[in-house]
């Protein structure tokens, strides 16, 4: 089995992030936990959003966490894949829209 930079076992250590600064760690986890509580969006919807964002920011720990969380909340693999495609479309569109910057620069340099 090949070793990767991201060790899935490290996800279980996330709670230890407070060890070196308990005050800020506590504030973060209080905020984090309150964000995912039921509100205008259901906990299920928030989990699906989190999974899509996890792919967009390319966080393997988040992908693992919210894939498992989503399955526990009844999110189907089809819903997960559709959310992934939404994130891919947004990420791709964001790359392309930055092309306007390039076009502006070329036009300016060419005078």
PDB file of N, CA and C in Angstrom:
ATOM      1  N   UNK A   1       0.845  -1.177   0.000  1.00  0.00           N
ATOM      2  CA  UNK A   1       0.000   0.000   0.000  1.00  0.00           C
ATOM      3  C   UNK A   1       0.892   1.241   0.000  1.00  0.00           C
ATOM      4  N   UNK A   2       0.586   2.161  -0.864  1.00  0.00           N
ATOM      5  CA  UNK A   2       1.420   3.363  -0.942  1.00  0.00           C
ATOM      6  C   UNK A   2       1.040   4.360   0.141  1.00  0.00           C
ATOM      7  N   UNK A   3       2.000   5.098   0.578  1.00  0.00           N
ATOM      8  CA  UNK A   3       1.816   6.116   1.609  1.00  0.00           C
ATOM      9  C   UNK A   3       1.540   7.447   0.927  1.00  0.00           C
ATOM     10  N   UNK A   4       0.555   8.163   1.413  1.00  0.00           N
ATOM     11  CA  UNK A   4       0.261   9.486   0.875  1.00  0.00           C
ATOM     12  C   UNK A   4       0.513  10.526   1.954  1.00  0.00           C
ATOM     13  N   UNK A   5       0.562  11.763   1.528  1.00  0.00           N
ATOM     14  CA  UNK A   5       0.767  12.860   2.468  1.00  0.00           C
ATOM     15  C   UNK A   5      -0.390  12.945   3.453  1.00  0.00           C
ATOM     16  N   UNK A   6      -1.595  12.691   2.970  1.00  0.00           N
ATOM     17  CA  UNK A   6      -2.780  12.755   3.814  1.00  0.00           C
ATOM     18  C   UNK A   6      -3.070  11.376   4.374  1.00  0.00           C
ATOM     19  N   UNK A   7      -2.990  11.243   5.672  1.00  0.00           N
ATOM     20  CA  UNK A   7      -3.281   9.979   6.336  1.00  0.00           C
ATOM     21  C   UNK A   7      -4.712  10.050   6.860  1.00  0.00           C
ATOM     22  N   UNK A   8      -5.617   9.209   6.358  1.00  0.00           N
ATOM     23  CA  UNK A   8      -7.001   9.257   6.823  1.00  0.00           C
ATOM     24  C   UNK A   8      -7.129   9.170   8.343  1.00  0.00           C
ATOM     25  N   UNK A   9      -6.201   8.507   9.003  1.00  0.00           N
ATOM     26  CA  UNK A   9      -6.244   8.399  10.467  1.00  0.00           C
ATOM     27  C   UNK A   9      -6.083   9.757  11.139  1.00  0.00           C
ATOM     28  N   UNK A  10      -5.466  10.701  10.442  1.00  0.00           N
ATOM     29  CA  UNK A  10      -5.273  12.031  11.024  1.00  0.00           C
ATOM     30  C   UNK A  10      -6.588  12.772  11.246  1.00  0.00           C
ATOM     31  N   UNK A  11      -7.623  12.419  10.504  1.00  0.00           N
ATOM     32  CA  UNK A  11      -8.920  13.075  10.683  1.00  0.00           C
ATOM     33  C   UNK A  11      -9.410  12.914  12.120  1.00  0.00           C
ATOM     34  N   UNK A  12      -9.138  11.772  12.709  1.00  0.00           N
ATOM     35  CA  UNK A  12      -9.547  11.537  14.106  1.00  0.00           C
ATOM     36  C   UNK A  12      -8.801  12.446  15.079  1.00  0.00           C
ATOM     37  N   UNK A  13      -7.715  13.040  14.651  1.00  0.00           N
ATOM     38  CA  UNK A  13      -6.916  13.921  15.511  1.00  0.00           C
ATOM     39  C   UNK A  13      -7.358  15.380  15.428  1.00  0.00           C
ATOM     40  N   UNK A  14      -8.374  15.663  14.615  1.00  0.00           N
ATOM     41  CA  UNK A  14      -8.790  17.046  14.393  1.00  0.00           C
ATOM     42  C   UNK A  14      -9.109  17.767  15.702  1.00  0.00           C
ATOM     43  N   UNK A  15      -9.742  17.083  16.634  1.00  0.00           N
ATOM     44  CA  UNK A  15     -10.087  17.695  17.914  1.00  0.00           C
ATOM     45  C   UNK A  15      -8.878  18.156  18.712  1.00  0.00           C
ATOM     46  N   UNK A  16      -7.725  17.591  18.425  1.00  0.00           N
ATOM     47  CA  UNK A  16      -6.498  17.968  19.135  1.00  0.00           C
ATOM     48  C   UNK A  16      -5.936  19.306  18.657  1.00  0.00           C
ATOM     49  N   UNK A  17      -6.543  19.883  17.645  1.00  0.00           N
ATOM     50  CA  UNK A  17      -6.048  21.154  17.120  1.00  0.00           C
ATOM     51  C   UNK A  17      -6.128  22.245  18.196  1.00  0.00           C
ATOM     52  N   UNK A  18      -6.942  22.000  19.213  1.00  0.00           N
ATOM     53  CA  UNK A  18      -7.066  22.949  20.325  1.00  0.00           C
ATOM     54  C   UNK A  18      -5.958  22.806  21.358  1.00  0.00           C
ATOM     55  N   UNK A  19      -5.192  21.740  21.295  1.00  0.00           N
ATOM     56  CA  UNK A  19      -4.195  21.463  22.331  1.00  0.00           C
ATOM     57  C   UNK A  19      -3.194  22.604  22.522  1.00  0.00           C
ATOM     58  N   UNK A  20      -2.806  23.258  21.462  1.00  0.00           N
ATOM     59  CA  UNK A  20      -1.768  24.290  21.574  1.00  0.00           C
ATOM     60  C   UNK A  20      -2.343  25.690  21.731  1.00  0.00           C
ATOM     61  N   UNK A  21      -3.659  25.819  21.604  1.00  0.00           N
ATOM     62  CA  UNK A  21      -4.324  27.098  21.864  1.00  0.00           C
ATOM     63  C   UNK A  21      -5.785  26.792  22.146  1.00  0.00           C
ATOM     64  N   UNK A  22      -6.047  26.457  23.403  1.00  0.00           N
ATOM     65  CA  UNK A  22      -7.375  26.005  23.798  1.00  0.00           C
ATOM     66  C   UNK A  22      -8.443  27.067  23.554  1.00  0.00           C
ATOM     67  N   UNK A  23      -8.122  28.318  23.829  1.00  0.00           N
ATOM     68  CA  UNK A  23      -9.111  29.389  23.673  1.00  0.00           C
ATOM     69  C   UNK A  23      -9.597  29.496  22.225  1.00  0.00           C
ATOM     70  N   UNK A  24      -8.660  29.573  21.293  1.00  0.00           N
ATOM     71  CA  UNK A  24      -9.053  29.704  19.889  1.00  0.00           C
ATOM     72  C   UNK A  24      -9.672  28.416  19.360  1.00  0.00           C
ATOM     73  N   UNK A  25      -9.159  27.279  19.803  1.00  0.00           N
ATOM     74  CA  UNK A  25      -9.735  26.002  19.389  1.00  0.00           C
ATOM     75  C   UNK A  25     -11.179  25.872  19.833  1.00  0.00           C
ATOM     76  N   UNK A  26     -11.443  26.241  21.072  1.00  0.00           N
ATOM     77  CA  UNK A  26     -12.806  26.189  21.596  1.00  0.00           C
ATOM     78  C   UNK A  26     -13.721  27.118  20.812  1.00  0.00           C
ATOM     79  N   UNK A  27     -13.251  28.325  20.542  1.00  0.00           N
ATOM     80  CA  UNK A  27     -14.061  29.272  19.764  1.00  0.00           C
ATOM     81  C   UNK A  27     -14.359  28.720  18.373  1.00  0.00           C
ATOM     82  N   UNK A  28     -13.350  28.131  17.735  1.00  0.00           N
ATOM     83  CA  UNK A  28     -13.566  27.568  16.406  1.00  0.00           C
ATOM     84  C   UNK A  28     -14.600  26.452  16.451  1.00  0.00           C
ATOM     85  N   UNK A  29     -14.434  25.490  17.364  1.00  0.00           N
ATOM     86  CA  UNK A  29     -15.356  24.355  17.393  1.00  0.00           C
ATOM     87  C   UNK A  29     -16.758  24.768  17.812  1.00  0.00           C
ATOM     88  N   UNK A  30     -16.890  25.766  18.684  1.00  0.00           N
ATOM     89  CA  UNK A  30     -18.220  26.289  19.016  1.00  0.00           C
ATOM     90  C   UNK A  30     -18.883  26.847  17.761  1.00  0.00           C
ATOM     91  N   UNK A  31     -18.122  27.634  17.005  1.00  0.00           N
ATOM     92  CA  UNK A  31     -18.632  28.201  15.757  1.00  0.00           C
ATOM     93  C   UNK A  31     -18.960  27.086  14.759  1.00  0.00           C
ATOM     94  N   UNK A  32     -18.015  26.197  14.547  1.00  0.00           N
ATOM     95  CA  UNK A  32     -18.167  25.105  13.580  1.00  0.00           C
ATOM     96  C   UNK A  32     -19.422  24.289  13.878  1.00  0.00           C
ATOM     97  N   UNK A  33     -19.587  23.908  15.132  1.00  0.00           N
ATOM     98  CA  UNK A  33     -20.742  23.096  15.512  1.00  0.00           C
ATOM     99  C   UNK A  33     -22.050  23.858  15.368  1.00  0.00           C
ATOM    100  N   UNK A  34     -22.047  25.154  15.656  1.00  0.00           N
ATOM    101  CA  UNK A  34     -23.284  25.922  15.519  1.00  0.00           C
ATOM    102  C   UNK A  34     -23.665  26.113  14.053  1.00  0.00           C
ATOM    103  N   UNK A  35     -22.684  26.228  13.179  1.00  0.00           N
ATOM    104  CA  UNK A  35     -22.961  26.375  11.746  1.00  0.00           C
ATOM    105  C   UNK A  35     -23.728  25.168  11.215  1.00  0.00           C
ATOM    106  N   UNK A  36     -23.417  23.982  11.696  1.00  0.00           N
ATOM    107  CA  UNK A  36     -24.009  22.765  11.149  1.00  0.00           C
ATOM    108  C   UNK A  36     -25.304  22.344  11.839  1.00  0.00           C
ATOM    109  N   UNK A  37     -25.792  23.150  12.787  1.00  0.00           N
ATOM    110  CA  UNK A  37     -27.077  22.855  13.417  1.00  0.00           C
ATOM    111  C   UNK A  37     -28.214  23.199  12.455  1.00  0.00           C
ATOM    112  N   UNK A  38     -29.338  22.554  12.676  1.00  0.00           N
ATOM    113  CA  UNK A  38     -30.543  22.806  11.888  1.00  0.00           C
ATOM    114  C   UNK A  38     -30.883  24.290  11.935  1.00  0.00           C
ATOM    115  N   UNK A  39     -31.203  24.858  10.815  1.00  0.00           N
ATOM    116  CA  UNK A  39     -31.580  26.271  10.724  1.00  0.00           C
ATOM    117  C   UNK A  39     -32.471  26.445   9.514  1.00  0.00           C
ATOM    118  N   UNK A  40     -32.257  27.505   8.753  1.00  0.00           N
ATOM    119  CA  UNK A  40     -32.999  27.686   7.508  1.00  0.00           C
ATOM    120  C   UNK A  40     -32.693  26.529   6.551  1.00  0.00           C
ATOM    121  N   UNK A  41     -31.482  25.982   6.671  1.00  0.00           N
ATOM    122  CA  UNK A  41     -31.091  24.779   5.926  1.00  0.00           C
ATOM    123  C   UNK A  41     -31.094  23.595   6.883  1.00  0.00           C
ATOM    124  N   UNK A  42     -31.486  22.442   6.381  1.00  0.00           N
ATOM    125  CA  UNK A  42     -31.457  21.239   7.214  1.00  0.00           C
ATOM    126  C   UNK A  42     -30.010  20.780   7.403  1.00  0.00           C
ATOM    127  N   UNK A  43     -29.793  19.954   8.419  1.00  0.00           N
ATOM    128  CA  UNK A  43     -28.462  19.388   8.633  1.00  0.00           C
ATOM    129  C   UNK A  43     -28.038  18.548   7.426  1.00  0.00           C
ATOM    130  N   UNK A  44     -28.991  17.907   6.788  1.00  0.00           N
ATOM    131  CA  UNK A  44     -28.721  17.109   5.588  1.00  0.00           C
ATOM    132  C   UNK A  44     -28.238  18.014   4.450  1.00  0.00           C
ATOM    133  N   UNK A  45     -28.941  19.117   4.227  1.00  0.00           N
ATOM    134  CA  UNK A  45     -28.535  20.055   3.171  1.00  0.00           C
ATOM    135  C   UNK A  45     -27.149  20.627   3.451  1.00  0.00           C
ATOM    136  N   UNK A  46     -26.896  20.953   4.709  1.00  0.00           N
ATOM    137  CA  UNK A  46     -25.586  21.503   5.076  1.00  0.00           C
ATOM    138  C   UNK A  46     -24.477  20.487   4.837  1.00  0.00           C
ATOM    139  N   UNK A  47     -24.760  19.229   5.093  1.00  0.00           N
ATOM    140  CA  UNK A  47     -23.771  18.181   4.859  1.00  0.00           C
ATOM    141  C   UNK A  47     -23.446  18.062   3.371  1.00  0.00           C
ATOM    142  N   UNK A  48     -24.462  18.156   2.524  1.00  0.00           N
ATOM    143  CA  UNK A  48     -24.244  18.073   1.079  1.00  0.00           C
ATOM    144  C   UNK A  48     -23.468  19.289   0.578  1.00  0.00           C
ATOM    145  N   UNK A  49     -23.795  20.465   1.099  1.00  0.00           N
ATOM    146  CA  UNK A  49     -23.034  21.674   0.750  1.00  0.00           C
ATOM    147  C   UNK A  49     -21.580  21.506   1.182  1.00  0.00           C
ATOM    148  N   UNK A  50     -21.378  21.023   2.403  1.00  0.00           N
ATOM    149  CA  UNK A  50     -20.015  20.831   2.914  1.00  0.00           C
ATOM    150  C   UNK A  50     -19.230  19.868   2.028  1.00  0.00           C
ATOM    151  N   UNK A  51     -19.883  18.820   1.546  1.00  0.00           N
ATOM    152  CA  UNK A  51     -19.205  17.863   0.673  1.00  0.00           C
ATOM    153  C   UNK A  51     -18.786  18.528  -0.637  1.00  0.00           C
ATOM    154  N   UNK A  52     -19.675  19.332  -1.209  1.00  0.00           N
ATOM    155  CA  UNK A  52     -19.344  20.030  -2.456  1.00  0.00           C
ATOM    156  C   UNK A  52     -18.196  21.015  -2.239  1.00  0.00           C
ATOM    157  N   UNK A  53     -18.256  21.769  -1.158  1.00  0.00           N
ATOM    158  CA  UNK A  53     -17.186  22.719  -0.849  1.00  0.00           C
ATOM    159  C   UNK A  53     -15.874  21.977  -0.604  1.00  0.00           C
ATOM    160  N   UNK A  54     -15.946  20.846   0.075  1.00  0.00           N
ATOM    161  CA  UNK A  54     -14.742  20.048   0.340  1.00  0.00           C
ATOM    162  C   UNK A  54     -14.029  19.679  -0.955  1.00  0.00           C
ATOM    163  N   UNK A  55     -14.801  19.340  -1.969  1.00  0.00           N
ATOM    164  CA  UNK A  55     -14.195  19.039  -3.268  1.00  0.00           C
ATOM    165  C   UNK A  55     -13.618  20.297  -3.904  1.00  0.00           C
ATOM    166  N   UNK A  56     -14.328  21.400  -3.777  1.00  0.00           N
ATOM    167  CA  UNK A  56     -13.866  22.650  -4.383  1.00  0.00           C
ATOM    168  C   UNK A  56     -12.541  23.094  -3.781  1.00  0.00           C
ATOM    169  N   UNK A  57     -12.409  22.969  -2.464  1.00  0.00           N
ATOM    170  CA  UNK A  57     -11.160  23.391  -1.813  1.00  0.00           C
ATOM    171  C   UNK A  57     -10.147  22.249  -1.736  1.00  0.00           C
ATOM    172  N   UNK A  58     -10.545  21.091  -2.225  1.00  0.00           N
ATOM    173  CA  UNK A  58      -9.681  19.913  -2.318  1.00  0.00           C
ATOM    174  C   UNK A  58      -9.115  19.487  -0.964  1.00  0.00           C
ATOM    175  N   UNK A  59     -10.020  19.331  -0.002  1.00  0.00           N
ATOM    176  CA  UNK A  59      -9.643  18.899   1.348  1.00  0.00           C
ATOM    177  C   UNK A  59      -9.990  17.417   1.507  1.00  0.00           C
ATOM    178  N   UNK A  60      -8.996  16.527   1.424  1.00  0.00           N
ATOM    179  CA  UNK A  60      -9.304  15.099   1.508  1.00  0.00           C
ATOM    180  C   UNK A  60      -9.930  14.691   2.843  1.00  0.00           C
ATOM    181  N   UNK A  61      -9.532  15.350   3.916  1.00  0.00           N
ATOM    182  CA  UNK A  61     -10.130  15.033   5.214  1.00  0.00           C
ATOM    183  C   UNK A  61     -11.613  15.399   5.213  1.00  0.00           C
ATOM    184  N   UNK A  62     -11.925  16.568   4.664  1.00  0.00           N
ATOM    185  CA  UNK A  62     -13.316  17.024   4.596  1.00  0.00           C
ATOM    186  C   UNK A  62     -14.139  16.117   3.688  1.00  0.00           C
ATOM    187  N   UNK A  63     -13.546  15.696   2.573  1.00  0.00           N
ATOM    188  CA  UNK A  63     -14.244  14.793   1.658  1.00  0.00           C
ATOM    189  C   UNK A  63     -14.589  13.499   2.385  1.00  0.00           C
ATOM    190  N   UNK A  64     -13.633  12.920   3.092  1.00  0.00           N
ATOM    191  CA  UNK A  64     -13.902  11.693   3.854  1.00  0.00           C
ATOM    192  C   UNK A  64     -14.990  11.931   4.899  1.00  0.00           C
ATOM    193  N   UNK A  65     -14.853  13.017   5.649  1.00  0.00           N
ATOM    194  CA  UNK A  65     -15.791  13.292   6.741  1.00  0.00           C
ATOM    195  C   UNK A  65     -17.212  13.497   6.224  1.00  0.00           C
ATOM    196  N   UNK A  66     -17.363  14.292   5.180  1.00  0.00           N
ATOM    197  CA  UNK A  66     -18.713  14.626   4.719  1.00  0.00           C
ATOM    198  C   UNK A  66     -19.294  13.597   3.768  1.00  0.00           C
ATOM    199  N   UNK A  67     -18.468  12.707   3.231  1.00  0.00           N
ATOM    200  CA  UNK A  67     -19.014  11.558   2.511  1.00  0.00           C
ATOM    201  C   UNK A  67     -19.688  10.632   3.519  1.00  0.00           C
ATOM    202  N   UNK A  68     -18.973  10.328   4.599  1.00  0.00           N
ATOM    203  CA  UNK A  68     -19.547   9.480   5.642  1.00  0.00           C
ATOM    204  C   UNK A  68     -20.755  10.115   6.304  1.00  0.00           C
ATOM    205  N   UNK A  69     -20.653  11.402   6.613  1.00  0.00           N
ATOM    206  CA  UNK A  69     -21.759  12.120   7.244  1.00  0.00           C
ATOM    207  C   UNK A  69     -22.981  12.123   6.326  1.00  0.00           C
ATOM    208  N   UNK A  70     -22.733  12.368   5.046  1.00  0.00           N
ATOM    209  CA  UNK A  70     -23.839  12.397   4.092  1.00  0.00           C
ATOM    210  C   UNK A  70     -24.552  11.058   3.995  1.00  0.00           C
ATOM    211  N   UNK A  71     -23.784   9.980   3.930  1.00  0.00           N
ATOM    212  CA  UNK A  71     -24.399   8.652   3.873  1.00  0.00           C
ATOM    213  C   UNK A  71     -25.247   8.398   5.113  1.00  0.00           C
ATOM    214  N   UNK A  72     -24.749   8.809   6.283  1.00  0.00           N
ATOM    215  CA  UNK A  72     -25.510   8.635   7.526  1.00  0.00           C
ATOM    216  C   UNK A  72     -26.797   9.455   7.514  1.00  0.00           C
ATOM    217  N   UNK A  73     -26.803  10.550   6.776  1.00  0.00           N
ATOM    218  CA  UNK A  73     -27.985  11.413   6.707  1.00  0.00           C
ATOM    219  C   UNK A  73     -28.901  11.050   5.534  1.00  0.00           C
ATOM    220  N   UNK A  74     -28.579   9.968   4.846  1.00  0.00           N
ATOM    221  CA  UNK A  74     -29.439   9.504   3.768  1.00  0.00           C
ATOM    222  C   UNK A  74     -29.194  10.162   2.421  1.00  0.00           C
ATOM    223  N   UNK A  75     -28.079  10.860   2.287  1.00  0.00           N
ATOM    224  CA  UNK A  75     -27.742  11.458   1.000  1.00  0.00           C
ATOM    225  C   UNK A  75     -27.289  10.327   0.080  1.00  0.00           C
ATOM    226  N   UNK A  76     -27.861  10.287  -1.110  1.00  0.00           N
ATOM    227  CA  UNK A  76     -27.540   9.210  -2.039  1.00  0.00           C
ATOM    228  C   UNK A  76     -26.247   9.501  -2.789  1.00  0.00           C
ATOM    229  N   UNK A  77     -25.667   8.456  -3.354  1.00  0.00           N
ATOM    230  CA  UNK A  77     -24.453   8.652  -4.148  1.00  0.00           C
ATOM    231  C   UNK A  77     -24.748   9.504  -5.378  1.00  0.00           C
ATOM    232  N   UNK A  78     -25.976   9.428  -5.892  1.00  0.00           N
ATOM    233  CA  UNK A  78     -26.352  10.270  -7.032  1.00  0.00           C
ATOM    234  C   UNK A  78     -26.393  11.744  -6.632  1.00  0.00           C
ATOM    235  N   UNK A  79     -26.930  12.033  -5.449  1.00  0.00           N
ATOM    236  CA  UNK A  79     -26.948  13.415  -4.958  1.00  0.00           C
ATOM    237  C   UNK A  79     -25.529  13.919  -4.721  1.00  0.00           C
ATOM    238  N   UNK A  80     -24.688  13.054  -4.147  1.00  0.00           N
ATOM    239  CA  UNK A  80     -23.295  13.440  -3.910  1.00  0.00           C
ATOM    240  C   UNK A  80     -22.596  13.770  -5.225  1.00  0.00           C
ATOM    241  N   UNK A  81     -22.789  12.935  -6.233  1.00  0.00           N
ATOM    242  CA  UNK A  81     -22.125  13.164  -7.513  1.00  0.00           C
ATOM    243  C   UNK A  81     -22.649  14.432  -8.183  1.00  0.00           C
ATOM    244  N   UNK A  82     -23.948  14.685  -8.075  1.00  0.00           N
ATOM    245  CA  UNK A  82     -24.497  15.911  -8.653  1.00  0.00           C
ATOM    246  C   UNK A  82     -23.916  17.139  -7.955  1.00  0.00           C
ATOM    247  N   UNK A  83     -23.798  17.074  -6.636  1.00  0.00           N
ATOM    248  CA  UNK A  83     -23.186  18.180  -5.886  1.00  0.00           C
ATOM    249  C   UNK A  83     -21.736  18.371  -6.304  1.00  0.00           C
ATOM    250  N   UNK A  84     -21.029  17.271  -6.535  1.00  0.00           N
ATOM    251  CA  UNK A  84     -19.645  17.349  -6.997  1.00  0.00           C
ATOM    252  C   UNK A  84     -19.566  18.053  -8.350  1.00  0.00           C
ATOM    253  N   UNK A  85     -20.500  17.750  -9.230  1.00  0.00           N
ATOM    254  CA  UNK A  85     -20.505  18.412 -10.539  1.00  0.00           C
ATOM    255  C   UNK A  85     -20.826  19.902 -10.409  1.00  0.00           C
ATOM    256  N   UNK A  86     -21.691  20.255  -9.471  1.00  0.00           N
ATOM    257  CA  UNK A  86     -21.948  21.682  -9.222  1.00  0.00           C
ATOM    258  C   UNK A  86     -20.659  22.355  -8.779  1.00  0.00           C
ATOM    259  N   UNK A  87     -19.934  21.723  -7.860  1.00  0.00           N
ATOM    260  CA  UNK A  87     -18.683  22.327  -7.386  1.00  0.00           C
ATOM    261  C   UNK A  87     -17.669  22.425  -8.519  1.00  0.00           C
ATOM    262  N   UNK A  88     -17.624  21.407  -9.370  1.00  0.00           N
ATOM    263  CA  UNK A  88     -16.709  21.435 -10.507  1.00  0.00           C
ATOM    264  C   UNK A  88     -17.054  22.535 -11.494  1.00  0.00           C
ATOM    265  N   UNK A  89     -18.340  22.739 -11.727  1.00  0.00           N
ATOM    266  CA  UNK A  89     -18.771  23.796 -12.643  1.00  0.00           C
ATOM    267  C   UNK A  89     -18.411  25.171 -12.094  1.00  0.00           C
ATOM    268  N   UNK A  90     -18.612  25.368 -10.800  1.00  0.00           N
ATOM    269  CA  UNK A  90     -18.263  26.652 -10.178  1.00  0.00           C
ATOM    270  C   UNK A  90     -16.759  26.870 -10.232  1.00  0.00           C
ATOM    271  N   UNK A  91     -15.999  25.838  -9.905  1.00  0.00           N
ATOM    272  CA  UNK A  91     -14.534  25.975  -9.924  1.00  0.00           C
ATOM    273  C   UNK A  91     -14.029  26.236 -11.337  1.00  0.00           C
ATOM    274  N   UNK A  92     -14.562  25.510 -12.303  1.00  0.00           N
ATOM    275  CA  UNK A  92     -14.168  25.724 -13.691  1.00  0.00           C
ATOM    276  C   UNK A  92     -14.562  27.106 -14.182  1.00  0.00           C
ATOM    277  N   UNK A  93     -15.771  27.525 -13.831  1.00  0.00           N
ATOM    278  CA  UNK A  93     -16.225  28.859 -14.221  1.00  0.00           C
ATOM    279  C   UNK A  93     -15.377  29.949 -13.607  1.00  0.00           C
ATOM    280  N   UNK A  94     -14.976  29.743 -12.359  1.00  0.00           N
ATOM    281  CA  UNK A  94     -14.126  30.736 -11.691  1.00  0.00           C
ATOM    282  C   UNK A  94     -12.783  30.854 -12.394  1.00  0.00           C
ATOM    283  N   UNK A  95     -12.247  29.730 -12.844  1.00  0.00           N
ATOM    284  CA  UNK A  95     -10.982  29.780 -13.594  1.00  0.00           C
ATOM    285  C   UNK A  95     -11.172  30.530 -14.902  1.00  0.00           C
ATOM    286  N   UNK A  96     -12.239  30.220 -15.606  1.00  0.00           N
ATOM    287  CA  UNK A  96     -12.474  30.854 -16.900  1.00  0.00           C
ATOM    288  C   UNK A  96     -12.769  32.343 -16.779  1.00  0.00           C
ATOM    289  N   UNK A  97     -13.542  32.733 -15.764  1.00  0.00           N
ATOM    290  CA  UNK A  97     -13.879  34.151 -15.630  1.00  0.00           C
ATOM    291  C   UNK A  97     -12.638  34.980 -15.335  1.00  0.00           C
ATOM    292  N   UNK A  98     -11.619  34.355 -14.739  1.00  0.00           N
ATOM    293  CA  UNK A  98     -10.359  35.068 -14.531  1.00  0.00           C
ATOM    294  C   UNK A  98      -9.646  35.342 -15.851  1.00  0.00           C
ATOM    295  N   UNK A  99     -10.095  34.678 -16.901  1.00  0.00           N
ATOM    296  CA  UNK A  99      -9.568  34.960 -18.225  1.00  0.00           C
ATOM    297  C   UNK A  99      -9.816  36.397 -18.647  1.00  0.00           C
ATOM    298  N   UNK A 100     -10.838  37.022 -18.078  1.00  0.00           N
ATOM    299  CA  UNK A 100     -11.104  38.439 -18.365  1.00  0.00           C
ATOM    300  C   UNK A 100      -9.911  39.281 -17.926  1.00  0.00           C
ATOM    301  N   UNK A 101      -9.313  38.921 -16.793  1.00  0.00           N
ATOM    302  CA  UNK A 101      -8.121  39.637 -16.326  1.00  0.00           C
ATOM    303  C   UNK A 101      -7.006  39.545 -17.363  1.00  0.00           C
ATOM    304  N   UNK A 102      -6.805  38.330 -17.886  1.00  0.00           N
ATOM    305  CA  UNK A 102      -5.779  38.120 -18.891  1.00  0.00           C
ATOM    306  C   UNK A 102      -6.087  38.938 -20.143  1.00  0.00           C
ATOM    307  N   UNK A 103      -7.331  38.909 -20.569  1.00  0.00           N
ATOM    308  CA  UNK A 103      -7.715  39.647 -21.770  1.00  0.00           C
ATOM    309  C   UNK A 103      -7.506  41.145 -21.581  1.00  0.00           C
ATOM    310  N   UNK A 104      -7.879  41.647 -20.395  1.00  0.00           N
ATOM    311  CA  UNK A 104      -7.666  43.071 -20.101  1.00  0.00           C
ATOM    312  C   UNK A 104      -6.185  43.419 -20.155  1.00  0.00           C
ATOM    313  N   UNK A 105      -5.348  42.557 -19.581  1.00  0.00           N
ATOM    314  CA  UNK A 105      -3.903  42.804 -19.559  1.00  0.00           C
ATOM    315  C   UNK A 105      -3.325  42.788 -20.973  1.00  0.00           C
ATOM    316  N   UNK A 106      -3.733  41.808 -21.777  1.00  0.00           N
ATOM    317  CA  UNK A 106      -3.260  41.745 -23.165  1.00  0.00           C
ATOM    318  C   UNK A 106      -3.669  43.001 -23.916  1.00  0.00           C
ATOM    319  N   UNK A 107      -4.932  43.394 -23.778  1.00  0.00           N
ATOM    320  CA  UNK A 107      -5.412  44.598 -24.468  1.00  0.00           C
ATOM    321  C   UNK A 107      -4.640  45.835 -24.034  1.00  0.00           C
ATOM    322  N   UNK A 108      -4.326  45.922 -22.740  1.00  0.00           N
ATOM    323  CA  UNK A 108      -3.570  47.071 -22.228  1.00  0.00           C
ATOM    324  C   UNK A 108      -2.144  47.064 -22.783  1.00  0.00           C
ATOM    325  N   UNK A 109      -1.503  45.904 -22.780  1.00  0.00           N
ATOM    326  CA  UNK A 109      -0.120  45.813 -23.252  1.00  0.00           C
ATOM    327  C   UNK A 109      -0.006  46.012 -24.762  1.00  0.00           C
ATOM    328  N   UNK A 110      -1.014  45.578 -25.481  1.00  0.00           N
ATOM    329  CA  UNK A 110      -0.980  45.756 -26.932  1.00  0.00           C
ATOM    330  C   UNK A 110      -1.381  47.168 -27.345  1.00  0.00           C
ATOM    331  N   UNK A 111      -1.996  47.868 -26.381  1.00  0.00           N
ATOM    332  CA  UNK A 111      -2.353  49.272 -26.595  1.00  0.00           C
ATOM    333  C   UNK A 111      -3.377  49.432 -27.616  1.00  0.00           C
TER     334      UNK A 111
END
